[in-house]
N, C-alpha and C. Protein backbone atom coordinates (compact mmCIF):
# COMPACT_ATOMS: atom_id res chain seq x y z
N MET A 1 15.56 13.33 25.92
CA MET A 1 14.73 13.28 24.69
C MET A 1 15.75 12.06 23.58
N ILE A 2 14.45 11.22 23.01
CA ILE A 2 15.73 10.42 21.83
C ILE A 2 14.64 11.14 20.88
N LEU A 3 15.62 11.32 19.42
CA LEU A 3 15.57 11.85 17.99
C LEU A 3 15.31 10.73 17.08
N ILE A 4 14.95 10.36 16.53
CA ILE A 4 15.72 9.51 15.57
C ILE A 4 15.30 10.22 14.22
N THR A 5 15.67 9.40 12.60
CA THR A 5 15.67 9.94 11.73
C THR A 5 15.49 8.47 11.16
N ALA A 6 13.98 8.42 10.13
CA ALA A 6 13.75 6.50 9.53
C ALA A 6 13.90 7.31 8.21
N HIS A 7 14.18 6.37 7.22
CA HIS A 7 13.80 6.38 5.53
C HIS A 7 13.43 4.97 5.12
N GLY A 8 12.43 4.99 4.58
CA GLY A 8 12.00 4.07 4.20
C GLY A 8 10.40 3.82 3.39
N ARG A 9 9.80 3.36 3.24
CA ARG A 9 8.83 2.90 2.24
C ARG A 9 7.43 3.27 3.76
N LEU A 10 6.09 4.08 3.17
CA LEU A 10 4.78 3.78 3.58
C LEU A 10 4.35 2.24 3.76
N ALA A 11 4.20 1.37 4.91
CA ALA A 11 3.93 0.58 4.93
C ALA A 11 1.92 0.33 4.12
N HIS A 12 1.27 1.76 4.62
CA HIS A 12 -0.38 1.26 3.97
C HIS A 12 -0.42 2.92 4.25
N GLN A 13 -1.59 3.09 3.57
CA GLN A 13 -1.87 4.71 2.90
C GLN A 13 -2.32 5.23 3.85
N PRO A 14 -1.93 6.35 4.58
CA PRO A 14 -2.43 6.75 5.65
C PRO A 14 -3.60 7.32 5.45
N GLU A 15 -4.14 7.66 6.95
CA GLU A 15 -5.46 7.98 7.06
C GLU A 15 -5.85 8.97 8.67
N LEU A 16 -6.17 10.07 7.90
CA LEU A 16 -6.65 11.10 8.63
C LEU A 16 -7.75 10.52 9.84
N THR A 17 -7.70 10.18 11.05
CA THR A 17 -8.81 9.60 12.27
C THR A 17 -9.15 11.15 12.68
N LEU A 18 -10.52 10.92 13.77
CA LEU A 18 -10.42 11.80 14.60
C LEU A 18 -10.24 11.84 15.81
N LEU A 19 -9.83 12.06 16.84
CA LEU A 19 -10.17 11.68 18.41
C LEU A 19 -11.16 11.59 18.85
N PRO A 20 -11.26 11.34 20.23
CA PRO A 20 -12.89 11.49 20.79
C PRO A 20 -12.67 13.23 21.15
N SER A 21 -11.42 13.98 21.48
CA SER A 21 -11.50 15.45 22.01
C SER A 21 -11.11 16.56 20.82
N GLY A 22 -11.85 15.70 19.58
CA GLY A 22 -11.35 16.77 18.14
C GLY A 22 -10.49 17.17 17.16
N THR A 23 -9.57 16.62 18.04
CA THR A 23 -7.86 16.58 17.10
C THR A 23 -7.89 15.96 16.19
N ARG A 24 -7.22 15.90 14.86
CA ARG A 24 -6.74 14.95 13.98
C ARG A 24 -5.62 14.51 14.10
N CYS A 25 -5.79 13.52 14.41
CA CYS A 25 -4.51 12.19 14.28
C CYS A 25 -4.25 11.80 13.08
N CYS A 26 -2.87 11.21 12.65
CA CYS A 26 -2.37 10.41 11.23
C CYS A 26 -1.29 9.47 12.15
N GLU A 27 -1.77 8.13 12.24
CA GLU A 27 -0.48 7.11 12.87
C GLU A 27 0.19 6.48 11.10
N PHE A 28 1.38 6.51 11.14
CA PHE A 28 1.54 5.58 10.11
C PHE A 28 3.42 4.60 10.20
N ARG A 29 3.23 3.94 9.13
CA ARG A 29 4.56 2.27 9.69
C ARG A 29 6.03 3.58 8.68
N LEU A 30 6.50 2.99 9.05
CA LEU A 30 7.57 2.82 7.88
C LEU A 30 8.59 1.58 7.56
N LEU A 31 8.97 1.21 6.35
CA LEU A 31 9.29 -0.35 6.30
C LEU A 31 10.97 0.58 5.86
N SER A 32 11.36 -0.68 6.28
CA SER A 32 12.98 -0.88 5.83
C SER A 32 12.89 -2.68 5.60
N THR A 33 14.14 -2.51 4.03
CA THR A 33 15.15 -3.18 4.54
C THR A 33 16.67 -4.01 4.23
N ARG A 34 16.94 -4.41 5.39
CA ARG A 34 18.33 -4.78 5.14
C ARG A 34 18.94 -6.06 4.91
N PHE A 35 20.13 -5.81 4.57
CA PHE A 35 20.40 -7.41 4.14
C PHE A 35 22.05 -7.36 5.30
N SER A 36 22.14 -9.01 5.86
CA SER A 36 23.42 -8.77 6.62
C SER A 36 23.72 -10.20 6.65
N ARG A 37 25.12 -10.62 6.14
CA ARG A 37 25.02 -12.26 5.73
C ARG A 37 24.36 -12.68 4.93
N GLY A 38 23.79 -12.39 4.04
CA GLY A 38 22.98 -13.32 3.14
C GLY A 38 21.46 -13.12 3.79
N GLU A 39 21.16 -12.89 4.26
CA GLU A 39 19.88 -12.68 4.94
C GLU A 39 18.69 -11.18 4.94
N GLU A 40 18.32 -11.78 4.20
CA GLU A 40 17.03 -10.41 4.67
C GLU A 40 16.51 -9.90 5.35
N TYR A 41 16.57 -8.74 6.38
CA TYR A 41 15.53 -8.26 7.93
C TYR A 41 14.47 -7.21 7.31
N LYS A 42 13.22 -7.12 7.67
CA LYS A 42 12.67 -6.06 7.06
C LYS A 42 12.54 -5.14 8.56
N GLU A 43 12.46 -4.36 8.90
CA GLU A 43 12.29 -3.07 10.08
C GLU A 43 11.41 -2.57 9.80
N GLY A 44 10.46 -2.27 10.84
CA GLY A 44 9.66 -1.29 10.95
C GLY A 44 9.26 -0.76 11.98
N VAL A 45 9.18 1.04 11.95
CA VAL A 45 8.60 1.88 12.93
C VAL A 45 7.93 2.73 12.93
N THR A 46 7.10 3.10 14.18
CA THR A 46 5.29 3.54 13.68
C THR A 46 5.69 5.18 14.23
N PHE A 47 5.10 5.64 13.55
CA PHE A 47 5.04 6.98 13.43
C PHE A 47 3.74 7.68 14.00
N PHE A 48 3.50 9.27 14.54
CA PHE A 48 2.48 9.46 14.79
C PHE A 48 2.70 11.10 14.44
N CYS A 49 1.21 12.22 14.11
CA CYS A 49 1.11 13.13 14.11
C CYS A 49 -0.38 13.77 14.40
N TYR A 50 -0.19 15.10 14.44
CA TYR A 50 -1.37 15.70 14.83
C TYR A 50 -1.57 17.05 14.41
N GLY A 51 -2.54 17.57 13.97
CA GLY A 51 -3.66 18.77 13.87
C GLY A 51 -2.89 18.50 11.61
N GLU A 52 -2.75 20.34 11.70
CA GLU A 52 -2.32 20.46 10.35
C GLU A 52 -1.56 19.46 9.65
N THR A 53 -0.03 18.97 10.28
CA THR A 53 1.19 18.73 9.90
C THR A 53 0.36 16.42 9.87
N ALA A 54 -0.73 16.61 10.29
CA ALA A 54 -1.65 15.05 10.25
C ALA A 54 -2.11 15.48 8.54
N GLU A 55 -2.89 16.44 8.73
CA GLU A 55 -4.12 16.45 7.21
C GLU A 55 -2.77 16.68 6.07
N ARG A 56 -1.88 17.14 6.33
CA ARG A 56 -1.15 17.55 5.60
C ARG A 56 -0.03 16.53 5.02
N PHE A 57 0.46 15.55 5.89
CA PHE A 57 0.88 14.40 6.06
C PHE A 57 -0.05 13.34 5.03
N CYS A 58 -1.47 13.12 5.21
CA CYS A 58 -2.51 12.31 4.95
C CYS A 58 -2.87 12.62 3.29
N ASP A 59 -3.02 14.26 3.06
CA ASP A 59 -3.24 14.65 1.68
C ASP A 59 -2.02 14.31 0.44
N ASN A 60 -0.86 14.60 0.86
CA ASN A 60 0.49 14.25 0.06
C ASN A 60 1.20 12.92 0.03
N THR A 61 0.81 12.21 1.00
CA THR A 61 1.24 10.78 0.59
C THR A 61 1.05 9.60 -0.04
N GLU A 62 1.38 8.36 -0.29
CA GLU A 62 0.43 7.25 -0.79
C GLU A 62 1.22 6.31 -0.05
N ARG A 63 0.69 4.88 0.04
CA ARG A 63 1.56 3.89 -0.24
C ARG A 63 2.54 3.40 -0.86
N GLY A 64 3.99 2.95 0.32
CA GLY A 64 4.69 2.99 -1.21
C GLY A 64 5.42 4.37 -1.83
N GLN A 65 5.35 5.09 -0.85
CA GLN A 65 6.46 6.36 -1.13
C GLN A 65 7.83 6.23 -0.45
N LEU A 66 8.09 6.55 -0.56
CA LEU A 66 9.74 6.72 -0.10
C LEU A 66 9.59 8.12 0.80
N MET A 67 9.98 8.11 2.11
CA MET A 67 10.25 9.31 2.61
C MET A 67 11.07 9.17 4.05
N SER A 68 11.51 10.37 4.45
CA SER A 68 12.17 10.46 5.46
C SER A 68 11.49 11.39 6.49
N VAL A 69 11.54 10.35 7.96
CA VAL A 69 10.80 11.20 9.30
C VAL A 69 11.40 11.53 9.84
N THR A 70 11.70 12.68 10.99
CA THR A 70 12.41 12.56 12.28
C THR A 70 11.40 12.72 13.12
N GLY A 71 11.09 12.25 14.34
CA GLY A 71 10.51 11.83 15.55
C GLY A 71 11.14 11.61 16.78
N THR A 72 10.76 12.56 17.59
CA THR A 72 10.92 12.61 19.14
C THR A 72 10.04 11.29 19.14
N GLN A 73 11.26 11.05 20.34
CA GLN A 73 10.41 8.91 21.35
C GLN A 73 9.32 9.49 22.10
N GLU A 74 8.02 8.34 22.58
CA GLU A 74 6.60 8.58 23.19
C GLU A 74 6.97 7.48 23.79
N THR A 75 7.22 7.03 25.15
CA THR A 75 6.69 5.35 25.31
C THR A 75 4.75 5.83 25.93
N GLN A 76 4.20 4.93 25.66
CA GLN A 76 3.01 4.33 25.90
C GLN A 76 2.69 3.39 26.76
N THR A 77 1.71 3.49 27.76
CA THR A 77 1.45 1.99 28.37
C THR A 77 0.48 1.99 28.73
N TYR A 78 0.05 0.38 28.25
CA TYR A 78 -2.19 -0.15 28.18
C TYR A 78 -1.65 -0.93 29.47
N LEU A 79 -2.70 -1.23 30.16
CA LEU A 79 -3.41 -2.45 31.22
C LEU A 79 -4.00 -3.30 30.33
N LYS A 80 -3.27 -4.34 29.76
CA LYS A 80 -4.11 -5.72 29.17
C LYS A 80 -4.45 -6.80 30.44
N GLY A 81 -5.62 -7.05 30.62
CA GLY A 81 -5.79 -8.01 31.45
C GLY A 81 -5.09 -7.80 33.32
N GLU A 82 -4.22 -8.35 33.88
CA GLU A 82 -3.41 -8.20 34.42
C GLU A 82 -2.19 -7.40 34.21
N GLU A 83 -1.67 -8.15 33.07
CA GLU A 83 -0.46 -7.32 32.60
C GLU A 83 -0.13 -5.81 31.72
N THR A 84 0.53 -5.48 31.98
CA THR A 84 1.43 -3.84 31.71
C THR A 84 2.15 -3.91 30.19
N LYS A 85 0.80 -3.14 28.99
CA LYS A 85 2.22 -3.20 27.90
C LYS A 85 3.28 -2.22 27.49
N HIS A 86 3.81 -1.93 27.34
CA HIS A 86 4.44 -1.01 26.64
C HIS A 86 4.44 -1.05 25.40
N PHE A 87 4.42 0.51 24.57
CA PHE A 87 4.98 0.32 23.53
C PHE A 87 5.02 1.80 23.01
N VAL A 88 6.81 2.11 21.75
CA VAL A 88 7.06 3.12 21.41
C VAL A 88 6.70 3.73 20.32
N LYS A 89 6.40 4.94 20.41
CA LYS A 89 6.33 5.86 18.76
C LYS A 89 7.05 6.64 18.77
N TYR A 90 7.16 7.18 17.53
CA TYR A 90 7.72 8.67 17.44
C TYR A 90 6.87 9.75 16.54
N LYS A 91 6.57 10.76 18.04
CA LYS A 91 5.63 12.44 17.00
C LYS A 91 6.27 12.99 16.00
N VAL A 92 5.59 12.52 15.30
CA VAL A 92 6.35 14.06 13.63
C VAL A 92 7.18 14.79 14.21
N THR A 93 7.91 15.57 14.28
CA THR A 93 9.02 16.67 14.31
C THR A 93 9.65 17.31 12.86
N TRP A 94 9.14 15.86 11.92
CA TRP A 94 9.76 16.55 10.52
C TRP A 94 9.77 15.58 9.45
N PHE A 95 9.02 15.69 8.32
CA PHE A 95 9.16 14.96 7.48
C PHE A 95 9.66 15.59 5.72
N GLU A 96 10.50 14.67 5.25
CA GLU A 96 10.37 15.27 3.65
C GLU A 96 10.32 13.85 2.64
N LYS A 97 9.05 14.36 1.75
CA LYS A 97 8.62 12.95 0.47
C LYS A 97 9.36 12.71 -0.30
N GLY A 98 9.60 11.80 -0.45
CA GLY A 98 10.75 11.54 -1.70
C GLY A 98 9.81 10.92 -2.86
N PRO A 99 10.20 9.88 -3.64
CA PRO A 99 9.42 9.62 -5.23
C PRO A 99 7.98 8.55 -5.09
N LYS A 100 7.42 8.51 -5.17
CA LYS A 100 6.23 7.86 -5.51
C LYS A 100 6.59 6.41 -5.91
N PRO A 101 5.67 5.37 -5.46
CA PRO A 101 6.24 3.84 -6.28
C PRO A 101 5.92 4.54 -7.87
N ASN A 102 6.35 3.67 -8.31
CA ASN A 102 5.90 3.23 -9.58
C ASN A 102 5.14 2.19 -10.30
N ARG A 103 3.71 2.57 -9.81
CA ARG A 103 2.47 1.87 -10.31
C ARG A 103 3.09 1.02 -11.57
N ALA A 104 3.06 1.12 -12.80
CA ALA A 104 3.15 0.41 -13.65
C ALA A 104 3.98 -0.47 -14.04
N ALA A 105 5.18 -0.30 -12.98
CA ALA A 105 6.62 -1.64 -12.95
C ALA A 105 6.05 -2.87 -12.23
N ILE A 106 4.69 -2.25 -11.04
CA ILE A 106 4.25 -4.02 -10.66
C ILE A 106 3.98 -4.39 -11.71
N LYS A 107 3.88 -6.12 -11.25
CA LYS A 107 3.44 -6.71 -12.13
C LYS A 107 1.87 -7.09 -11.94
N ARG A 108 1.39 -7.67 -12.55
CA ARG A 108 0.00 -8.08 -12.21
C ARG A 108 -0.53 -9.06 -12.94
N PRO A 109 -0.97 -9.93 -12.69
CA PRO A 109 -1.63 -11.15 -13.56
C PRO A 109 -2.66 -10.57 -14.43
N ALA A 110 -2.37 -11.47 -16.08
CA ALA A 110 -2.67 -10.44 -17.15
C ALA A 110 -4.68 -11.42 -17.64
N ALA A 111 -5.23 -10.57 -17.67
CA ALA A 111 -6.80 -10.60 -17.32
C ALA A 111 -6.85 -12.25 -18.42
N LYS A 112 -7.57 -12.75 -18.03
CA LYS A 112 -7.77 -14.30 -18.85
C LYS A 112 -8.85 -13.14 -19.67
N PRO A 113 -9.03 -14.48 -21.05
CA PRO A 113 -9.78 -14.13 -22.32
C PRO A 113 -11.44 -14.16 -22.03
N ALA A 114 -12.05 -13.10 -22.11
CA ALA A 114 -13.22 -13.82 -22.57
C ALA A 114 -13.93 -14.55 -22.92
N PRO A 115 -14.85 -15.56 -22.20
CA PRO A 115 -15.25 -16.80 -22.83
C PRO A 115 -15.23 -16.56 -24.40
N ARG A 116 -15.50 -17.43 -25.36
CA ARG A 116 -16.67 -16.64 -26.43
C ARG A 116 -17.57 -17.01 -26.60
N ALA A 117 -18.99 -16.52 -27.14
CA ALA A 117 -20.25 -16.81 -27.26
C ALA A 117 -20.77 -18.36 -27.64
N PRO A 118 -21.42 -18.51 -27.60
CA PRO A 118 -21.49 -20.11 -27.91
C PRO A 118 -22.58 -20.24 -29.23
N CYS A 119 -22.09 -20.83 -30.50
CA CYS A 119 -22.58 -20.55 -32.07
C CYS A 119 -24.04 -21.11 -31.03
N VAL A 120 -24.74 -19.91 -32.36
CA VAL A 120 -26.62 -19.83 -32.62
C VAL A 120 -27.00 -20.97 -33.60
N ALA A 121 -27.93 -21.50 -32.76
CA ALA A 121 -28.23 -22.78 -34.05
C ALA A 121 -29.10 -22.26 -35.17
N GLY A 122 -28.72 -22.67 -36.85
CA GLY A 122 -29.24 -21.96 -38.16
C GLY A 122 -27.83 -21.62 -38.29
N PHE A 123 -26.86 -20.50 -37.55
CA PHE A 123 -25.78 -19.95 -38.23
C PHE A 123 -24.31 -21.06 -38.48
N ALA A 124 -24.02 -21.07 -39.65
CA ALA A 124 -22.44 -21.94 -39.75
C ALA A 124 -21.37 -21.26 -38.34
N LYS A 125 -20.05 -22.20 -38.69
CA LYS A 125 -19.32 -21.95 -37.60
C LYS A 125 -18.38 -21.37 -39.47
N PRO A 126 -17.82 -20.06 -39.01
CA PRO A 126 -16.81 -19.80 -39.67
C PRO A 126 -16.70 -20.50 -40.83
N GLY A 127 -15.62 -21.62 -40.09
CA GLY A 127 -14.59 -22.90 -41.33
C GLY A 127 -16.12 -23.57 -41.76
N GLN A 128 -17.21 -23.63 -41.52
CA GLN A 128 -18.20 -24.81 -42.58
C GLN A 128 -18.85 -24.40 -43.08
N ARG A 129 -18.86 -22.41 -43.25
CA ARG A 129 -19.54 -21.58 -44.19
C ARG A 129 -18.29 -21.71 -45.41
N GLN A 130 -17.64 -22.03 -45.44
CA GLN A 130 -16.78 -22.25 -47.23
C GLN A 130 -17.04 -23.66 -47.08
N VAL A 131 -16.65 -24.55 -46.38
CA VAL A 131 -16.90 -26.22 -47.31
C VAL A 131 -18.45 -25.89 -47.67
N ALA A 132 -19.71 -25.64 -47.06
CA ALA A 132 -21.08 -25.41 -47.42
C ALA A 132 -21.23 -25.15 -48.83
N GLN A 133 -20.62 -23.45 -49.34
CA GLN A 133 -20.50 -23.15 -50.13
C GLN A 133 -20.08 -24.01 -51.46
N ALA A 134 -18.54 -24.32 -51.03
CA ALA A 134 -17.65 -25.43 -52.64
C ALA A 134 -18.48 -26.99 -52.57
N ALA A 135 -19.19 -26.95 -51.51
CA ALA A 135 -19.75 -28.50 -52.02
C ALA A 135 -21.13 -28.37 -52.86
N ALA A 136 -22.17 -26.66 -52.55
CA ALA A 136 -23.18 -26.32 -53.86
C ALA A 136 -22.49 -25.79 -54.98
N ALA A 137 -21.21 -25.37 -55.36
CA ALA A 137 -20.87 -25.32 -56.34
C ALA A 137 -20.25 -26.62 -57.14
N SER A 138 -20.17 -27.41 -56.79
CA SER A 138 -19.94 -28.90 -57.63
C SER A 138 -20.94 -29.45 -57.58
């Protein structure tokens, strides 16, 4: 049995799905960044869990949250055309939540100011009213 512990951030918001057998399932991906010789590499690993663990995980975590997860390896195969495809996922045996992402620190583009309403006929613009009053006084 191969057992791994991974530390990283959740790549997407975990969702609870219902399998045809009636079992609740949650599949998620952890991403991590490492630097080597001045290059940045992003790596990811896929985990899944069932039942109460899946419900608890989906209810208490969010995208971008730092996580530590331990799981056992499961290799799955499927047939695509005439080819047999293999992929590796890890079944969660333990997880620990870290801090949630600081959404306030994320820079968002500034909202564009609302367009000004056009001047209605019969009303003077703010600067024109003073000029008209000064001309009438002289």
